[in-house]
N, C-alpha and C. Protein backbone atom coordinates (compact mmCIF):
# COMPACT_ATOMS: atom_id res chain seq x y z
N MET A 1 113.24 112.86 110.50
CA MET A 1 111.86 113.33 109.31
C MET A 1 110.28 112.27 108.95
N PHE A 2 109.83 113.17 109.22
CA PHE A 2 108.10 112.00 109.51
C PHE A 2 107.58 112.23 108.10
N TYR A 3 106.30 111.42 108.15
CA TYR A 3 105.03 111.55 106.89
C TYR A 3 103.73 111.18 107.31
N LEU A 4 102.99 111.35 106.46
CA LEU A 4 101.72 110.91 107.16
C LEU A 4 101.18 109.53 106.39
N ARG A 5 100.46 109.06 107.50
CA ARG A 5 99.95 107.81 106.86
C ARG A 5 98.60 107.18 107.70
N GLY A 6 97.88 106.52 105.74
CA GLY A 6 96.22 106.44 106.14
C GLY A 6 96.11 105.18 106.44
N GLU A 7 95.06 104.90 107.40
CA GLU A 7 94.19 103.75 107.21
C GLU A 7 93.03 102.55 107.12
N PHE A 8 93.26 102.79 105.94
CA PHE A 8 91.55 102.87 104.90
C PHE A 8 90.97 101.90 106.44
N ASP A 9 91.52 100.84 107.00
CA ASP A 9 90.33 100.08 108.24
C ASP A 9 89.70 100.36 109.64
N LEU A 10 90.59 101.93 108.98
CA LEU A 10 89.94 102.75 110.39
C LEU A 10 88.92 104.07 110.34
N CYS A 11 89.24 104.09 108.30
CA CYS A 11 88.52 105.54 107.78
C CYS A 11 87.25 105.26 108.16
N THR A 12 85.97 105.90 108.35
CA THR A 12 85.13 106.25 108.06
C THR A 12 84.06 106.99 106.83
N GLY A 13 85.30 107.33 106.41
CA GLY A 13 85.26 108.69 104.81
C GLY A 13 84.48 109.43 105.51
N CYS A 14 84.41 110.13 106.39
CA CYS A 14 83.55 111.33 107.21
C CYS A 14 84.01 112.60 106.44
N GLY A 15 85.23 112.88 106.17
CA GLY A 15 85.75 113.96 105.50
C GLY A 15 86.36 115.18 106.48
N ALA A 16 86.34 115.12 107.58
CA ALA A 16 87.21 116.03 108.38
C ALA A 16 88.17 116.42 108.37
N CYS A 17 88.43 115.42 107.72
CA CYS A 17 90.19 115.72 107.41
C CYS A 17 89.81 116.88 105.98
N MET A 18 89.72 116.16 105.32
CA MET A 18 89.75 117.44 104.38
C MET A 18 88.90 118.32 104.44
N LEU A 19 88.17 118.82 105.16
CA LEU A 19 87.53 119.89 105.79
C LEU A 19 88.11 121.49 106.29
N VAL A 20 89.50 120.52 107.15
CA VAL A 20 90.15 121.29 108.29
C VAL A 20 91.25 121.35 107.16
N CYS A 21 91.69 120.37 106.32
CA CYS A 21 92.76 120.56 105.31
C CYS A 21 92.07 121.61 104.25
N SER A 22 91.27 121.66 103.73
CA SER A 22 90.41 122.69 102.95
C SER A 22 90.35 124.03 103.21
N ASN A 23 90.17 124.37 104.38
CA ASN A 23 89.72 125.77 105.24
C ASN A 23 91.16 126.17 104.91
N ARG A 24 92.35 125.60 106.02
CA ARG A 24 94.26 125.67 105.67
C ARG A 24 94.24 126.00 104.52
N ALA A 25 93.84 125.82 103.52
CA ALA A 25 94.46 125.73 102.22
C ALA A 25 94.36 126.95 101.37
N VAL A 26 92.44 127.11 101.47
CA VAL A 26 92.02 128.02 100.45
C VAL A 26 91.17 128.99 101.74
N GLY A 27 91.22 128.74 102.76
CA GLY A 27 90.56 129.78 103.54
C GLY A 27 89.03 129.68 103.52
N GLY A 28 88.83 128.41 103.21
CA GLY A 28 86.91 127.82 103.58
C GLY A 28 86.86 125.94 103.52
N TYR A 29 85.55 125.72 103.35
CA TYR A 29 85.22 124.42 102.72
C TYR A 29 85.10 123.99 101.96
N ASN A 30 86.15 122.92 101.71
CA ASN A 30 86.02 122.47 100.10
C ASN A 30 86.35 121.36 99.67
N PRO A 31 85.93 120.44 99.72
CA PRO A 31 86.88 119.25 100.22
C PRO A 31 87.56 118.86 98.98
N ARG A 32 87.56 119.58 97.63
CA ARG A 32 88.60 119.45 96.47
C ARG A 32 88.98 120.66 96.30
N ALA A 33 89.14 121.02 97.47
CA ALA A 33 90.52 121.98 97.21
C ALA A 33 91.16 121.18 98.38
N ALA A 34 90.65 120.36 98.91
CA ALA A 34 92.09 119.76 100.59
C ALA A 34 93.23 118.96 99.48
N ARG A 35 94.33 118.74 100.56
CA ARG A 35 95.58 118.34 99.84
C ARG A 35 95.49 116.89 100.18
N LEU A 36 94.27 116.30 100.25
CA LEU A 36 94.09 115.08 100.95
C LEU A 36 92.92 114.31 100.16
N LYS A 37 93.27 113.15 99.94
CA LYS A 37 91.39 112.59 99.51
C LYS A 37 91.27 111.33 100.59
N ILE A 38 90.25 111.15 100.35
CA ILE A 38 89.05 109.72 100.43
C ILE A 38 89.07 108.63 99.19
N LEU A 39 88.83 108.05 98.96
CA LEU A 39 88.84 107.39 97.63
C LEU A 39 87.50 106.34 98.45
N SER A 40 86.18 106.07 97.79
CA SER A 40 85.70 105.37 98.29
C SER A 40 85.77 104.26 97.91
N GLU A 41 85.45 102.77 98.05
CA GLU A 41 85.17 101.77 97.20
C GLU A 41 84.07 100.97 97.60
N ASN A 42 83.71 100.45 97.00
CA ASN A 42 83.11 99.11 97.28
C ASN A 42 81.64 99.70 98.22
N GLU A 43 81.00 100.59 97.23
CA GLU A 43 79.85 101.10 97.94
C GLU A 43 79.73 102.05 99.33
N ASN A 44 81.14 102.83 98.87
CA ASN A 44 81.56 103.08 100.34
C ASN A 44 81.52 102.41 101.57
N LEU A 45 82.03 101.08 101.37
CA LEU A 45 81.92 100.47 102.56
C LEU A 45 83.73 100.55 103.20
N VAL A 46 84.48 101.14 101.81
CA VAL A 46 85.69 100.52 101.98
C VAL A 46 85.97 102.72 101.82
N ASN A 47 87.09 102.91 102.81
CA ASN A 47 87.55 104.61 102.84
C ASN A 47 88.57 104.51 103.29
N ARG A 48 89.36 105.04 101.21
CA ARG A 48 90.93 104.84 101.33
C ARG A 48 91.52 106.34 101.47
N PRO A 49 92.35 107.05 102.82
CA PRO A 49 92.51 108.02 103.23
C PRO A 49 94.25 108.18 101.96
N ILE A 50 94.50 109.07 101.22
CA ILE A 50 95.32 108.70 100.80
C ILE A 50 95.75 110.33 100.74
N VAL A 51 96.98 110.14 100.86
CA VAL A 51 97.72 111.06 101.25
C VAL A 51 99.30 111.49 101.00
N CYS A 52 99.68 112.42 100.84
CA CYS A 52 101.41 112.41 100.05
C CYS A 52 101.89 111.92 101.34
N THR A 53 102.59 111.54 101.31
CA THR A 53 103.70 110.57 101.94
C THR A 53 105.04 110.95 101.83
N GLN A 54 105.11 112.41 101.37
CA GLN A 54 107.05 112.51 101.53
C GLN A 54 107.21 111.96 100.70
N CYS A 55 107.52 111.00 100.05
CA CYS A 55 108.52 110.35 99.27
C CYS A 55 110.14 110.43 99.11
N GLU A 56 110.74 109.48 99.79
CA GLU A 56 112.16 109.97 99.92
C GLU A 56 113.07 110.27 97.95
N ASN A 57 112.49 109.67 97.29
CA ASN A 57 112.61 110.15 96.19
C ASN A 57 111.88 110.36 95.45
N PRO A 58 111.37 111.63 95.81
CA PRO A 58 110.09 112.33 94.90
C PRO A 58 109.85 112.44 93.75
N PHE A 59 109.14 111.92 93.24
CA PHE A 59 109.08 112.84 91.21
C PHE A 59 109.24 113.64 91.35
N CYS A 60 108.49 114.12 91.56
CA CYS A 60 108.10 115.70 91.77
C CYS A 60 108.57 116.61 91.97
N LEU A 61 109.41 116.53 92.66
CA LEU A 61 110.97 117.20 92.63
C LEU A 61 111.69 116.72 92.40
N ASN A 62 112.39 115.91 91.75
CA ASN A 62 112.56 115.34 90.32
C ASN A 62 112.52 115.74 88.47
N SER A 63 110.59 116.12 88.67
CA SER A 63 110.55 116.12 87.36
C SER A 63 111.02 117.86 87.17
N CYS A 64 111.00 118.56 87.81
CA CYS A 64 110.24 120.03 88.72
C CYS A 64 111.27 120.88 87.42
N PRO A 65 111.59 120.82 86.39
CA PRO A 65 112.36 121.63 85.28
C PRO A 65 113.00 123.13 85.62
N PHE A 66 112.02 124.11 87.04
CA PHE A 66 112.70 125.37 87.23
C PHE A 66 112.95 125.14 88.81
N ASN A 67 112.79 124.12 89.47
CA ASN A 67 113.48 123.74 90.76
C ASN A 67 112.57 124.26 91.71
N ALA A 68 111.70 124.30 91.62
CA ALA A 68 110.31 124.54 92.50
C ALA A 68 109.70 124.17 94.19
N ILE A 69 110.82 122.75 93.76
CA ILE A 69 110.42 121.92 94.52
C ILE A 69 111.48 121.50 95.18
N SER A 70 111.65 121.48 97.09
CA SER A 70 112.40 120.96 97.83
C SER A 70 112.35 120.25 98.70
N ARG A 71 113.16 119.33 99.12
CA ARG A 71 112.45 118.97 100.66
C ARG A 71 112.84 119.81 101.54
N SER A 72 112.93 120.26 102.48
CA SER A 72 113.22 120.98 104.22
C SER A 72 114.38 120.05 104.66
N GLU A 73 115.26 120.54 104.42
CA GLU A 73 116.16 120.08 105.58
C GLU A 73 116.10 119.99 106.98
N GLU A 74 115.22 120.77 107.91
CA GLU A 74 114.77 120.33 108.53
C GLU A 74 113.54 119.27 108.85
N THR A 75 112.99 119.80 108.07
CA THR A 75 111.74 118.39 108.66
C THR A 75 111.10 117.38 107.30
N GLY A 76 112.20 117.64 106.26
CA GLY A 76 112.25 116.32 105.59
C GLY A 76 110.81 116.76 104.43
N VAL A 77 110.03 117.64 104.77
CA VAL A 77 108.55 117.53 103.98
C VAL A 77 108.96 118.40 102.57
N VAL A 78 108.79 117.41 101.47
CA VAL A 78 108.81 118.44 100.38
C VAL A 78 107.36 119.35 100.00
N LEU A 79 108.78 120.42 99.43
CA LEU A 79 107.75 122.11 99.20
C LEU A 79 107.99 122.73 98.66
N ILE A 80 106.69 123.11 97.78
CA ILE A 80 106.66 124.19 96.93
C ILE A 80 106.97 125.81 96.92
N ASP A 81 108.20 125.59 96.04
CA ASP A 81 108.22 127.39 96.61
C ASP A 81 106.75 128.30 95.57
N LYS A 82 106.49 129.14 96.01
CA LYS A 82 105.12 129.32 95.13
C LYS A 82 105.86 130.57 94.24
N GLU A 83 107.16 131.67 94.77
CA GLU A 83 107.31 132.36 93.43
C GLU A 83 108.60 132.09 92.72
N THR A 84 109.21 130.31 93.10
CA THR A 84 108.96 129.75 91.03
C THR A 84 108.69 129.15 90.89
N CYS A 85 107.35 128.77 91.04
CA CYS A 85 106.43 127.78 90.55
C CYS A 85 106.08 128.44 89.24
N THR A 86 105.77 127.85 87.26
CA THR A 86 104.95 128.35 86.95
C THR A 86 103.75 128.32 86.39
N SER A 87 103.58 126.95 87.10
CA SER A 87 102.34 126.75 87.02
C SER A 87 102.27 125.67 85.72
N CYS A 88 103.57 125.36 85.29
CA CYS A 88 104.04 124.33 83.94
C CYS A 88 103.05 123.02 84.46
N GLY A 89 102.80 122.02 85.31
CA GLY A 89 101.80 121.14 85.51
C GLY A 89 102.94 120.00 85.53
N VAL A 90 104.28 119.53 84.79
CA VAL A 90 104.96 118.43 85.38
C VAL A 90 105.29 117.99 86.58
N CYS A 91 105.28 118.45 87.52
CA CYS A 91 104.67 117.97 88.71
C CYS A 91 103.96 117.61 89.39
N VAL A 92 102.02 117.66 89.51
CA VAL A 92 100.67 117.66 88.22
C VAL A 92 101.14 116.02 88.21
N GLU A 93 101.75 116.50 86.63
CA GLU A 93 101.31 114.75 86.24
C GLU A 93 102.84 113.89 86.64
N ALA A 94 103.94 114.41 87.21
CA ALA A 94 105.06 113.28 87.80
C ALA A 94 104.31 112.67 89.39
N CYS A 95 103.46 113.70 89.93
CA CYS A 95 102.70 112.80 91.65
C CYS A 95 102.26 111.16 91.13
N PRO A 96 102.74 110.25 91.55
CA PRO A 96 102.08 108.46 91.40
C PRO A 96 100.61 108.82 91.91
N ASP A 97 100.74 109.66 93.12
CA ASP A 97 99.55 109.56 94.20
C ASP A 97 97.90 110.26 93.28
N ASN A 98 98.71 111.42 92.66
CA ASN A 98 97.98 112.23 92.62
C ASN A 98 97.81 113.61 93.54
N MET A 99 98.48 113.47 94.60
CA MET A 99 98.92 114.54 95.35
C MET A 99 99.21 115.67 95.52
N ILE A 100 99.38 116.62 94.24
CA ILE A 100 99.94 117.15 93.67
C ILE A 100 98.56 117.73 93.06
N GLN A 101 98.35 119.33 93.37
CA GLN A 101 97.12 120.14 92.33
C GLN A 101 97.49 121.26 91.62
N ILE A 102 96.63 121.94 90.77
CA ILE A 102 96.88 123.48 90.49
C ILE A 102 96.14 124.13 91.22
N GLY A 103 96.27 125.12 92.52
CA GLY A 103 95.36 126.19 93.44
C GLY A 103 94.93 127.09 93.06
N PRO A 104 93.99 128.26 93.33
CA PRO A 104 93.40 128.83 92.98
C PRO A 104 94.51 130.00 92.82
N ASP A 105 95.08 130.31 93.20
CA ASP A 105 96.65 130.90 92.86
C ASP A 105 97.51 131.00 91.59
N HIS A 106 97.20 129.50 90.96
CA HIS A 106 98.10 129.37 89.88
C HIS A 106 99.30 128.88 89.69
N LYS A 107 99.33 128.06 90.81
CA LYS A 107 100.52 127.84 91.44
C LYS A 107 100.30 126.26 91.93
N ALA A 108 101.47 125.56 91.70
CA ALA A 108 101.27 124.01 92.63
C ALA A 108 101.07 124.43 93.82
N ASP A 109 100.44 123.38 94.41
CA ASP A 109 100.39 123.31 95.78
C ASP A 109 100.00 121.90 96.27
N LYS A 110 100.49 122.03 96.94
CA LYS A 110 100.19 120.24 98.02
C LYS A 110 100.82 119.41 98.87
N CYS A 111 100.22 118.90 100.23
CA CYS A 111 100.40 119.14 101.86
C CYS A 111 102.02 119.55 101.47
N ASP A 112 101.33 120.21 103.48
CA ASP A 112 103.22 120.64 104.05
C ASP A 112 103.22 120.62 105.25
N MET A 113 102.52 119.66 105.59
CA MET A 113 102.20 118.49 106.74
C MET A 113 101.93 119.54 107.75
N CYS A 114 100.92 120.69 107.15
CA CYS A 114 100.96 121.62 108.70
C CYS A 114 101.90 122.65 109.44
N ASN A 115 103.43 122.51 108.81
CA ASN A 115 104.50 123.43 109.46
C ASN A 115 104.31 122.34 110.15
N GLY A 116 104.45 120.83 110.14
CA GLY A 116 104.99 120.02 111.78
C GLY A 116 103.92 119.33 112.31
N ASP A 117 102.62 119.60 111.88
CA ASP A 117 101.27 119.71 112.78
C ASP A 117 100.07 119.98 112.23
N PRO A 118 99.68 118.76 111.80
CA PRO A 118 99.17 118.26 110.23
C PRO A 118 97.55 118.62 111.66
N LEU A 119 96.59 119.56 110.34
CA LEU A 119 95.30 119.15 111.25
C LEU A 119 94.67 118.24 111.10
N CYS A 120 94.64 117.26 109.67
CA CYS A 120 93.78 116.57 109.19
C CYS A 120 93.82 115.18 109.99
N VAL A 121 95.08 114.90 111.20
CA VAL A 121 95.78 114.39 112.24
C VAL A 121 94.71 114.83 113.00
N LYS A 122 95.07 115.94 113.57
CA LYS A 122 94.28 117.09 115.00
C LYS A 122 93.00 116.24 115.28
N TYR A 123 92.19 116.29 113.41
CA TYR A 123 90.13 116.38 114.04
C TYR A 123 90.42 115.36 113.18
N CYS A 124 91.29 113.96 113.13
CA CYS A 124 90.73 112.70 112.40
C CYS A 124 89.96 111.94 113.52
N VAL A 125 89.04 112.13 114.05
CA VAL A 125 88.45 111.17 115.03
C VAL A 125 88.58 109.44 115.26
N PRO A 126 88.75 108.64 114.40
CA PRO A 126 89.10 107.14 114.37
C PRO A 126 90.81 107.08 114.11
N ARG A 127 91.16 108.11 114.14
CA ARG A 127 92.49 108.05 114.06
C ARG A 127 92.92 107.53 112.71
N ALA A 128 92.21 107.77 112.01
CA ALA A 128 92.78 107.31 110.89
C ALA A 128 93.93 107.48 109.89
N LEU A 129 94.03 108.75 110.25
CA LEU A 129 94.97 109.48 110.06
C LEU A 129 95.99 110.43 110.83
N GLN A 130 97.48 109.41 110.30
CA GLN A 130 98.73 109.68 111.57
C GLN A 130 99.80 109.62 111.53
N LEU A 131 100.61 110.71 112.02
CA LEU A 131 101.90 111.13 111.69
C LEU A 131 103.02 110.16 112.41
N VAL A 132 103.58 109.68 111.50
CA VAL A 132 104.54 108.33 111.39
C VAL A 132 106.46 109.16 111.58
N GLU A 133 107.63 108.61 112.23
CA GLU A 133 108.71 108.72 112.03
C GLU A 133 108.66 107.66 110.35
N LYS A 134 109.52 108.67 110.17
CA LYS A 134 110.08 107.45 108.34
C LYS A 134 110.66 106.31 109.59
N LYS A 135 111.20 106.11 110.35
CA LYS A 135 111.53 104.93 111.00
C LYS A 135 110.26 103.82 111.58
N GLY A 136 108.80 104.43 111.35
CA GLY A 136 108.31 103.82 111.75
C GLY A 136 107.51 103.78 112.71
N ALA A 137 107.75 104.71 113.79
CA ALA A 137 106.78 104.53 114.99
C ALA A 137 106.49 105.51 114.81
N VAL A 138 104.99 105.44 115.23
CA VAL A 138 104.19 106.28 115.01
C VAL A 138 103.89 107.15 116.18
N VAL A 139 103.31 108.49 115.62
CA VAL A 139 104.53 109.95 116.64
C VAL A 139 102.84 110.14 117.04
N LYS A 140 102.07 110.34 116.22
CA LYS A 140 100.59 110.84 116.52
C LYS A 140 99.83 110.11 116.65
């Protein structure tokens, strides 16, 4: 099982991760549509990449009244089934990191880790985003 980790001390706030993520998610470059965020603090001197951590005990999964959210047995990624999702928004409210949003298709959406090869990690030049095995070893 893997998850994404963001390192604020390496992040420059360039936004390349948000651009590639939004392009994959909605087919265009729109940082607001990205499945991750960069929180800029102290007049942009500190940039914190905020990513879905694929929680061990995901509030989104546990709160969905329609069982539209599940964990992949193969990858461990928490996924949203668009066919089952009713856009009720309970998962959006439940996520403590605000990593779920209602997308342009009016369905809940979140990071799916690009099916195991996250583009945000691939395009993060300062390596502020890393793919990490749950045991703690950095993979990429």
